[in-house]
């Protein structure tokens, strides 16, 4: 294994991890922003008000994007396992 191969493999793994986390992070970001705008407009300064909507949005995003995420994980794992003979050289 060459340093270039290892670097490329880790870059691919990190890209996959970022893509898997992105739907939940974006849902939490958007809901947090909307709740913060609502709090600013109504002058409600409750710090814990944002947690429940964020948790619901992240859970909903997980339910919606889970089939895509699972397929992405399966594809990555199959790619790794099918290329084990190449990696062993």
C-alpha atoms as a PDB file:
ATOM      1  CA  UNK A   1       0.000   0.000   0.000  1.00  0.00           C
ATOM      2  CA  UNK A   2       1.321   3.343  -0.988  1.00  0.00           C
ATOM      3  CA  UNK A   3       0.812   6.588   0.904  1.00  0.00           C
ATOM      4  CA  UNK A   4      -1.262   7.890  -2.022  1.00  0.00           C
ATOM      5  CA  UNK A   5      -3.598   4.898  -1.771  1.00  0.00           C
ATOM      6  CA  UNK A   6      -4.053   5.311   1.973  1.00  0.00           C
ATOM      7  CA  UNK A   7      -4.697   9.027   1.584  1.00  0.00           C
ATOM      8  CA  UNK A   8      -7.232   8.386  -1.186  1.00  0.00           C
ATOM      9  CA  UNK A   9      -8.976   5.715   0.857  1.00  0.00           C
ATOM     10  CA  UNK A  10      -9.286   7.976   3.891  1.00  0.00           C
ATOM     11  CA  UNK A  11     -10.527  10.863   1.741  1.00  0.00           C
ATOM     12  CA  UNK A  12     -13.226   8.595   0.307  1.00  0.00           C
ATOM     13  CA  UNK A  13     -14.179   7.395   3.798  1.00  0.00           C
ATOM     14  CA  UNK A  14     -14.397  10.953   5.134  1.00  0.00           C
ATOM     15  CA  UNK A  15     -16.463  12.071   2.138  1.00  0.00           C
ATOM     16  CA  UNK A  16     -18.855   9.198   2.737  1.00  0.00           C
ATOM     17  CA  UNK A  17     -19.145  10.077   6.420  1.00  0.00           C
ATOM     18  CA  UNK A  18     -19.837  13.733   5.621  1.00  0.00           C
ATOM     19  CA  UNK A  19     -22.506  12.792   3.086  1.00  0.00           C
ATOM     20  CA  UNK A  20     -24.132  10.468   5.613  1.00  0.00           C
ATOM     21  CA  UNK A  21     -24.248  13.154   8.304  1.00  0.00           C
ATOM     22  CA  UNK A  22     -25.316  16.010   6.047  1.00  0.00           C
ATOM     23  CA  UNK A  23     -29.127  15.466   5.964  1.00  0.00           C
ATOM     24  CA  UNK A  24     -29.470  15.464   9.750  1.00  0.00           C
ATOM     25  CA  UNK A  25     -27.090  18.374  10.221  1.00  0.00           C
ATOM     26  CA  UNK A  26     -28.869  20.481   7.610  1.00  0.00           C
ATOM     27  CA  UNK A  27     -32.284  19.687   9.114  1.00  0.00           C
ATOM     28  CA  UNK A  28     -31.057  20.724  12.559  1.00  0.00           C
ATOM     29  CA  UNK A  29     -29.476  23.877  11.147  1.00  0.00           C
ATOM     30  CA  UNK A  30     -32.596  24.960   9.258  1.00  0.00           C
ATOM     31  CA  UNK A  31     -34.970  24.261  12.155  1.00  0.00           C
ATOM     32  CA  UNK A  32     -32.619  25.976  14.610  1.00  0.00           C
ATOM     33  CA  UNK A  33     -32.477  29.027  12.369  1.00  0.00           C
ATOM     34  CA  UNK A  34     -36.258  29.152  12.005  1.00  0.00           C
ATOM     35  CA  UNK A  35     -36.833  28.801  15.750  1.00  0.00           C
ATOM     36  CA  UNK A  36     -34.210  31.466  16.427  1.00  0.00           C
ATOM     37  CA  UNK A  37     -35.957  33.823  14.003  1.00  0.00           C
ATOM     38  CA  UNK A  38     -39.260  33.107  15.762  1.00  0.00           C
ATOM     39  CA  UNK A  39     -37.652  33.790  19.133  1.00  0.00           C
ATOM     40  CA  UNK A  40     -36.184  37.053  17.890  1.00  0.00           C
ATOM     41  CA  UNK A  41     -39.496  38.171  16.414  1.00  0.00           C
ATOM     42  CA  UNK A  42     -41.477  37.362  19.564  1.00  0.00           C
ATOM     43  CA  UNK A  43     -38.691  38.311  22.003  1.00  0.00           C
ATOM     44  CA  UNK A  44     -38.909  34.931  23.709  1.00  0.00           C
ATOM     45  CA  UNK A  45     -35.482  34.266  25.219  1.00  0.00           C
ATOM     46  CA  UNK A  46     -35.888  30.654  26.267  1.00  0.00           C
ATOM     47  CA  UNK A  47     -32.689  28.707  25.603  1.00  0.00           C
ATOM     48  CA  UNK A  48     -34.318  25.259  25.729  1.00  0.00           C
ATOM     49  CA  UNK A  49     -37.119  26.058  23.258  1.00  0.00           C
ATOM     50  CA  UNK A  50     -35.040  25.025  20.240  1.00  0.00           C
ATOM     51  CA  UNK A  51     -34.118  21.516  21.390  1.00  0.00           C
ATOM     52  CA  UNK A  52     -37.406  19.665  20.820  1.00  0.00           C
ATOM     53  CA  UNK A  53     -38.007  21.023  17.285  1.00  0.00           C
ATOM     54  CA  UNK A  54     -34.382  20.217  16.403  1.00  0.00           C
ATOM     55  CA  UNK A  55     -34.686  16.672  17.742  1.00  0.00           C
ATOM     56  CA  UNK A  56     -37.904  16.145  15.789  1.00  0.00           C
ATOM     57  CA  UNK A  57     -36.358  17.525  12.600  1.00  0.00           C
ATOM     58  CA  UNK A  58     -33.256  15.347  12.934  1.00  0.00           C
ATOM     59  CA  UNK A  59     -35.423  12.275  13.607  1.00  0.00           C
ATOM     60  CA  UNK A  60     -37.631  13.056  10.616  1.00  0.00           C
ATOM     61  CA  UNK A  61     -34.584  13.591   8.390  1.00  0.00           C
ATOM     62  CA  UNK A  62     -33.205  10.252   9.560  1.00  0.00           C
ATOM     63  CA  UNK A  63     -36.469   8.503   8.696  1.00  0.00           C
ATOM     64  CA  UNK A  64     -36.664  10.145   5.277  1.00  0.00           C
ATOM     65  CA  UNK A  65     -33.021   9.723   4.262  1.00  0.00           C
ATOM     66  CA  UNK A  66     -32.347   6.343   5.924  1.00  0.00           C
ATOM     67  CA  UNK A  67     -32.821   4.243   2.742  1.00  0.00           C
ATOM     68  CA  UNK A  68     -30.380   6.473   0.833  1.00  0.00           C
ATOM     69  CA  UNK A  69     -27.914   6.432   3.731  1.00  0.00           C
ATOM     70  CA  UNK A  70     -28.135   2.659   4.057  1.00  0.00           C
ATOM     71  CA  UNK A  71     -27.535   2.202   0.329  1.00  0.00           C
ATOM     72  CA  UNK A  72     -24.529   4.521   0.495  1.00  0.00           C
ATOM     73  CA  UNK A  73     -23.056   2.545   3.418  1.00  0.00           C
ATOM     74  CA  UNK A  74     -23.678  -0.756   1.625  1.00  0.00           C
ATOM     75  CA  UNK A  75     -22.014   0.518  -1.554  1.00  0.00           C
ATOM     76  CA  UNK A  76     -18.959   1.746   0.361  1.00  0.00           C
ATOM     77  CA  UNK A  77     -18.661  -1.525   2.283  1.00  0.00           C
ATOM     78  CA  UNK A  78     -19.053  -3.634  -0.851  1.00  0.00           C
ATOM     79  CA  UNK A  79     -16.390  -1.531  -2.563  1.00  0.00           C
ATOM     80  CA  UNK A  80     -14.001  -2.058   0.343  1.00  0.00           C
ATOM     81  CA  UNK A  81     -14.629  -5.814   0.542  1.00  0.00           C
ATOM     82  CA  UNK A  82     -14.429  -6.375  -3.211  1.00  0.00           C
ATOM     83  CA  UNK A  83     -11.096  -4.544  -3.387  1.00  0.00           C
ATOM     84  CA  UNK A  84      -9.402  -6.380  -0.497  1.00  0.00           C
ATOM     85  CA  UNK A  85      -7.088  -8.313  -2.883  1.00  0.00           C
ATOM     86  CA  UNK A  86      -5.963  -5.006  -4.386  1.00  0.00           C
ATOM     87  CA  UNK A  87      -5.472  -3.509  -0.908  1.00  0.00           C
ATOM     88  CA  UNK A  88      -3.354  -6.482   0.236  1.00  0.00           C
ATOM     89  CA  UNK A  89      -0.677  -5.876  -2.398  1.00  0.00           C
END
